[in-house]
């Protein structure tokens, strides 16, 4: 069982909504990163728990924490601008990066 790119895309959607018109920088640091990661973990956990009640909570937590931090590492302002200007749809390049995040985090959480 694997989570798809759901959590990664969900994380960026949360971040875009959370940060609104604020300036968003690649590889967020400090308080901005902490807020981004916490919002992404919360959104991912809520969605994954609802969609996959059979998956143990600790695996969901591992996956969502991994995903949120990885997304914070690879999301750029250009990604956010693209998503905002394309009705919430990420670019193909961004989707590829999120797939890589999902694969790595699935493995880390022991989801196969």
N, C-alpha and C. Protein backbone atom coordinates (compact mmCIF):
# COMPACT_ATOMS: atom_id res chain seq x y z
N UNK A 1 0.85 -1.18 0.00
CA UNK A 1 0.00 0.00 0.00
C UNK A 1 0.89 1.22 0.00
N UNK A 2 0.59 2.13 -0.87
CA UNK A 2 1.35 3.38 -0.96
C UNK A 2 0.39 4.55 -0.97
N UNK A 3 0.85 5.62 -0.40
CA UNK A 3 0.12 6.86 -0.58
C UNK A 3 0.63 7.44 -1.88
N UNK A 4 -0.24 8.03 -2.65
CA UNK A 4 0.18 8.65 -3.90
C UNK A 4 0.84 9.98 -3.64
N UNK A 5 0.74 10.85 -4.60
CA UNK A 5 1.31 12.19 -4.42
C UNK A 5 0.38 13.05 -3.60
N UNK A 6 -0.69 12.46 -3.09
CA UNK A 6 -1.72 13.15 -2.31
C UNK A 6 -1.12 14.07 -1.25
N UNK A 7 -0.27 13.52 -0.41
CA UNK A 7 0.23 14.30 0.72
C UNK A 7 1.10 15.45 0.27
N UNK A 8 1.93 15.21 -0.71
CA UNK A 8 2.81 16.26 -1.18
C UNK A 8 2.04 17.40 -1.81
N UNK A 9 1.10 17.08 -2.67
CA UNK A 9 0.28 18.12 -3.29
C UNK A 9 -0.59 18.79 -2.25
N UNK A 10 -1.11 18.02 -1.33
CA UNK A 10 -1.91 18.57 -0.24
C UNK A 10 -1.08 19.57 0.58
N UNK A 11 0.16 19.21 0.82
CA UNK A 11 1.03 20.08 1.60
C UNK A 11 1.23 21.43 0.93
N UNK A 12 1.46 21.43 -0.37
CA UNK A 12 1.65 22.70 -1.05
C UNK A 12 0.36 23.49 -1.10
N UNK A 13 -0.76 22.82 -1.25
CA UNK A 13 -2.04 23.52 -1.24
C UNK A 13 -2.26 24.21 0.11
N UNK A 14 -1.92 23.52 1.17
CA UNK A 14 -2.04 24.12 2.50
C UNK A 14 -1.11 25.31 2.62
N UNK A 15 0.12 25.15 2.14
CA UNK A 15 1.09 26.23 2.25
C UNK A 15 0.67 27.45 1.45
N UNK A 16 0.20 27.24 0.24
CA UNK A 16 -0.25 28.37 -0.58
C UNK A 16 -1.40 29.08 0.12
N UNK A 17 -2.35 28.33 0.63
CA UNK A 17 -3.48 28.93 1.33
C UNK A 17 -3.07 29.61 2.62
N UNK A 18 -2.16 28.99 3.35
CA UNK A 18 -1.72 29.51 4.63
C UNK A 18 -0.93 30.81 4.47
N UNK A 19 -0.06 30.85 3.46
CA UNK A 19 0.81 32.00 3.30
C UNK A 19 0.17 33.12 2.50
N UNK A 20 -0.86 32.77 1.73
CA UNK A 20 -1.60 33.78 1.00
C UNK A 20 -0.71 34.69 0.20
N UNK A 21 -0.77 35.98 0.48
CA UNK A 21 -0.01 36.94 -0.31
C UNK A 21 1.37 37.22 0.27
N UNK A 22 1.73 36.52 1.34
CA UNK A 22 3.06 36.71 1.90
C UNK A 22 4.11 36.21 0.92
N UNK A 23 5.31 36.69 1.05
CA UNK A 23 6.40 36.21 0.23
C UNK A 23 6.77 34.80 0.68
N UNK A 24 6.89 33.90 -0.28
CA UNK A 24 7.26 32.52 0.00
C UNK A 24 8.61 32.28 -0.63
N UNK A 25 9.55 31.77 0.14
CA UNK A 25 10.88 31.50 -0.36
C UNK A 25 11.13 30.02 -0.42
N UNK A 26 11.97 29.59 -1.34
CA UNK A 26 12.38 28.20 -1.38
C UNK A 26 13.11 27.87 -0.10
N UNK A 27 13.01 26.65 0.32
CA UNK A 27 13.66 26.19 1.52
C UNK A 27 13.42 27.15 2.68
N UNK A 28 12.19 27.20 3.07
CA UNK A 28 11.79 28.05 4.18
C UNK A 28 12.63 27.75 5.41
N UNK A 29 12.81 28.77 6.23
CA UNK A 29 13.58 28.60 7.46
C UNK A 29 12.81 29.19 8.62
N UNK A 30 13.25 28.89 9.80
CA UNK A 30 12.71 29.47 11.01
C UNK A 30 11.22 29.26 11.19
N UNK A 31 10.55 30.30 11.64
CA UNK A 31 9.13 30.24 11.96
C UNK A 31 8.28 29.92 10.73
N UNK A 32 8.63 30.49 9.57
CA UNK A 32 7.87 30.21 8.34
C UNK A 32 7.90 28.73 8.00
N UNK A 33 9.08 28.13 8.10
CA UNK A 33 9.20 26.70 7.81
C UNK A 33 8.40 25.88 8.82
N UNK A 34 8.50 26.24 10.08
CA UNK A 34 7.78 25.52 11.13
C UNK A 34 6.27 25.55 10.87
N UNK A 35 5.75 26.72 10.54
CA UNK A 35 4.31 26.84 10.24
C UNK A 35 3.94 26.03 9.01
N UNK A 36 4.74 26.11 7.97
CA UNK A 36 4.50 25.35 6.74
C UNK A 36 4.46 23.86 7.04
N UNK A 37 5.48 23.35 7.71
CA UNK A 37 5.58 21.92 7.99
C UNK A 37 4.43 21.46 8.88
N UNK A 38 4.11 22.21 9.91
CA UNK A 38 3.01 21.80 10.80
C UNK A 38 1.67 21.77 10.07
N UNK A 39 1.41 22.77 9.24
CA UNK A 39 0.16 22.78 8.47
C UNK A 39 0.10 21.62 7.49
N UNK A 40 1.23 21.33 6.86
CA UNK A 40 1.28 20.24 5.90
C UNK A 40 1.10 18.88 6.59
N UNK A 41 1.74 18.70 7.74
CA UNK A 41 1.58 17.45 8.49
C UNK A 41 0.13 17.27 8.90
N UNK A 42 -0.49 18.32 9.40
CA UNK A 42 -1.88 18.24 9.83
C UNK A 42 -2.81 17.87 8.67
N UNK A 43 -2.64 18.54 7.55
CA UNK A 43 -3.47 18.27 6.37
C UNK A 43 -3.25 16.84 5.87
N UNK A 44 -2.01 16.44 5.76
CA UNK A 44 -1.67 15.10 5.29
C UNK A 44 -2.25 14.04 6.22
N UNK A 45 -2.07 14.21 7.51
CA UNK A 45 -2.54 13.23 8.50
C UNK A 45 -4.05 13.09 8.44
N UNK A 46 -4.74 14.21 8.36
CA UNK A 46 -6.20 14.18 8.30
C UNK A 46 -6.66 13.43 7.05
N UNK A 47 -6.10 13.75 5.91
CA UNK A 47 -6.50 13.12 4.66
C UNK A 47 -6.12 11.65 4.59
N UNK A 48 -4.89 11.33 5.00
CA UNK A 48 -4.43 9.94 4.94
C UNK A 48 -5.21 9.06 5.90
N UNK A 49 -5.53 9.56 7.07
CA UNK A 49 -6.30 8.80 8.05
C UNK A 49 -7.70 8.52 7.52
N UNK A 50 -8.31 9.52 6.90
CA UNK A 50 -9.66 9.34 6.35
C UNK A 50 -9.65 8.38 5.16
N UNK A 51 -8.64 8.51 4.29
CA UNK A 51 -8.57 7.70 3.07
C UNK A 51 -8.05 6.28 3.32
N UNK A 52 -7.26 6.12 4.37
CA UNK A 52 -6.61 4.82 4.63
C UNK A 52 -6.71 4.46 6.12
N UNK A 53 -7.92 4.22 6.63
CA UNK A 53 -8.06 3.91 8.06
C UNK A 53 -7.35 2.63 8.48
N UNK A 54 -7.01 1.78 7.52
CA UNK A 54 -6.33 0.52 7.82
C UNK A 54 -4.84 0.71 8.12
N UNK A 55 -4.28 1.88 7.80
CA UNK A 55 -2.85 2.13 8.01
C UNK A 55 -2.63 2.61 9.44
N UNK A 56 -1.68 1.99 10.15
CA UNK A 56 -1.40 2.41 11.53
C UNK A 56 -1.00 3.89 11.61
N UNK A 57 -1.43 4.53 12.68
CA UNK A 57 -1.17 5.96 12.89
C UNK A 57 0.31 6.31 12.83
N UNK A 58 1.18 5.43 13.35
CA UNK A 58 2.62 5.75 13.34
C UNK A 58 3.19 5.75 11.93
N UNK A 59 2.65 4.93 11.03
CA UNK A 59 3.12 4.95 9.64
C UNK A 59 2.64 6.22 8.94
N UNK A 60 1.41 6.62 9.23
CA UNK A 60 0.90 7.86 8.66
C UNK A 60 1.72 9.04 9.16
N UNK A 61 2.03 9.06 10.45
CA UNK A 61 2.83 10.15 11.02
C UNK A 61 4.21 10.21 10.37
N UNK A 62 4.83 9.06 10.19
CA UNK A 62 6.16 9.02 9.56
C UNK A 62 6.08 9.54 8.13
N UNK A 63 5.09 9.05 7.38
CA UNK A 63 4.93 9.48 5.99
C UNK A 63 4.68 10.98 5.91
N UNK A 64 3.75 11.47 6.69
CA UNK A 64 3.36 12.88 6.61
C UNK A 64 4.48 13.81 7.06
N UNK A 65 5.21 13.43 8.09
CA UNK A 65 6.33 14.25 8.55
C UNK A 65 7.43 14.29 7.49
N UNK A 66 7.73 13.13 6.92
CA UNK A 66 8.73 13.07 5.84
C UNK A 66 8.30 13.93 4.67
N UNK A 67 7.06 13.77 4.25
CA UNK A 67 6.54 14.50 3.09
C UNK A 67 6.56 16.01 3.32
N UNK A 68 6.08 16.44 4.46
CA UNK A 68 6.02 17.88 4.75
C UNK A 68 7.40 18.52 4.72
N UNK A 69 8.37 17.85 5.33
CA UNK A 69 9.73 18.40 5.35
C UNK A 69 10.36 18.37 3.97
N UNK A 70 10.13 17.31 3.21
CA UNK A 70 10.70 17.22 1.86
C UNK A 70 10.08 18.28 0.95
N UNK A 71 8.78 18.50 1.07
CA UNK A 71 8.12 19.52 0.26
C UNK A 71 8.68 20.89 0.61
N UNK A 72 8.88 21.16 1.89
CA UNK A 72 9.45 22.45 2.30
C UNK A 72 10.85 22.63 1.71
N UNK A 73 11.57 21.54 1.53
CA UNK A 73 12.92 21.62 0.98
C UNK A 73 12.94 21.92 -0.51
N UNK A 74 11.93 21.46 -1.26
CA UNK A 74 12.02 21.55 -2.72
C UNK A 74 11.06 22.54 -3.37
N UNK A 75 10.18 23.12 -2.62
CA UNK A 75 9.21 24.06 -3.19
C UNK A 75 9.85 25.44 -3.35
N UNK A 76 9.70 26.00 -4.53
CA UNK A 76 10.25 27.33 -4.81
C UNK A 76 9.12 28.34 -4.98
N UNK A 77 9.48 29.59 -4.97
CA UNK A 77 8.49 30.64 -5.22
C UNK A 77 7.89 30.47 -6.61
N UNK A 78 8.69 30.05 -7.57
CA UNK A 78 8.17 29.84 -8.92
C UNK A 78 7.10 28.74 -8.93
N UNK A 79 7.29 27.70 -8.11
CA UNK A 79 6.27 26.65 -8.00
C UNK A 79 4.96 27.22 -7.46
N UNK A 80 5.06 28.00 -6.41
CA UNK A 80 3.87 28.58 -5.79
C UNK A 80 3.17 29.51 -6.77
N UNK A 81 3.94 30.35 -7.47
CA UNK A 81 3.35 31.27 -8.45
C UNK A 81 2.65 30.50 -9.57
N UNK A 82 3.26 29.42 -10.03
CA UNK A 82 2.66 28.61 -11.09
C UNK A 82 1.34 28.02 -10.59
N UNK A 83 1.35 27.44 -9.42
CA UNK A 83 0.14 26.84 -8.86
C UNK A 83 -0.96 27.90 -8.70
N UNK A 84 -0.59 29.06 -8.19
CA UNK A 84 -1.57 30.14 -8.01
C UNK A 84 -2.15 30.60 -9.35
N UNK A 85 -1.34 30.64 -10.39
CA UNK A 85 -1.82 31.16 -11.67
C UNK A 85 -2.46 30.09 -12.55
N UNK A 86 -2.44 28.84 -12.11
CA UNK A 86 -3.04 27.75 -12.88
C UNK A 86 -4.12 27.02 -12.08
N UNK A 87 -4.87 27.78 -11.31
CA UNK A 87 -6.02 27.21 -10.61
C UNK A 87 -5.70 26.10 -9.63
N UNK A 88 -4.54 26.16 -9.01
CA UNK A 88 -4.17 25.15 -8.03
C UNK A 88 -3.49 23.92 -8.62
N UNK A 89 -3.24 23.94 -9.93
CA UNK A 89 -2.61 22.80 -10.58
C UNK A 89 -1.10 23.00 -10.62
N UNK A 90 -0.33 22.03 -10.12
CA UNK A 90 1.12 22.15 -10.16
C UNK A 90 1.68 21.86 -11.56
N UNK A 91 2.87 22.37 -11.84
CA UNK A 91 3.54 22.11 -13.12
C UNK A 91 3.95 20.64 -13.21
N UNK A 92 4.25 20.19 -14.43
CA UNK A 92 4.72 18.81 -14.62
C UNK A 92 6.01 18.56 -13.85
N UNK A 93 6.92 19.52 -13.89
CA UNK A 93 8.18 19.38 -13.16
C UNK A 93 7.92 19.23 -11.67
N UNK A 94 7.04 20.05 -11.13
CA UNK A 94 6.73 19.99 -9.70
C UNK A 94 6.09 18.64 -9.37
N UNK A 95 5.19 18.17 -10.23
CA UNK A 95 4.56 16.87 -9.99
C UNK A 95 5.60 15.75 -9.96
N UNK A 96 6.60 15.82 -10.82
CA UNK A 96 7.67 14.82 -10.82
C UNK A 96 8.44 14.86 -9.50
N UNK A 97 8.73 16.08 -9.03
CA UNK A 97 9.44 16.20 -7.75
C UNK A 97 8.60 15.65 -6.61
N UNK A 98 7.29 15.89 -6.66
CA UNK A 98 6.40 15.39 -5.60
C UNK A 98 6.29 13.87 -5.65
N UNK A 99 6.35 13.30 -6.85
CA UNK A 99 6.33 11.84 -6.96
C UNK A 99 7.56 11.25 -6.29
N UNK A 100 8.70 11.89 -6.51
CA UNK A 100 9.94 11.45 -5.86
C UNK A 100 9.81 11.53 -4.35
N UNK A 101 9.22 12.61 -3.85
CA UNK A 101 8.98 12.76 -2.42
C UNK A 101 8.08 11.63 -1.92
N UNK A 102 6.99 11.37 -2.63
CA UNK A 102 6.04 10.32 -2.21
C UNK A 102 6.72 8.96 -2.16
N UNK A 103 7.52 8.63 -3.17
CA UNK A 103 8.20 7.35 -3.20
C UNK A 103 9.16 7.21 -2.02
N UNK A 104 9.96 8.22 -1.78
CA UNK A 104 10.93 8.17 -0.68
C UNK A 104 10.22 8.08 0.67
N UNK A 105 9.15 8.83 0.85
CA UNK A 105 8.45 8.84 2.13
C UNK A 105 7.63 7.58 2.35
N UNK A 106 7.10 6.99 1.27
CA UNK A 106 6.45 5.69 1.38
C UNK A 106 7.45 4.66 1.91
N UNK A 107 8.66 4.67 1.35
CA UNK A 107 9.68 3.72 1.78
C UNK A 107 10.06 3.95 3.24
N UNK A 108 10.24 5.21 3.61
CA UNK A 108 10.62 5.53 4.98
C UNK A 108 9.55 5.07 5.97
N UNK A 109 8.29 5.16 5.60
CA UNK A 109 7.19 4.77 6.48
C UNK A 109 6.89 3.27 6.42
N UNK A 110 7.56 2.56 5.51
CA UNK A 110 7.30 1.13 5.38
C UNK A 110 5.98 0.83 4.67
N UNK A 111 5.57 1.72 3.79
CA UNK A 111 4.34 1.53 3.02
C UNK A 111 4.73 1.00 1.64
N UNK A 112 4.23 -0.14 1.29
CA UNK A 112 4.64 -0.74 0.00
C UNK A 112 3.45 -0.98 -0.85
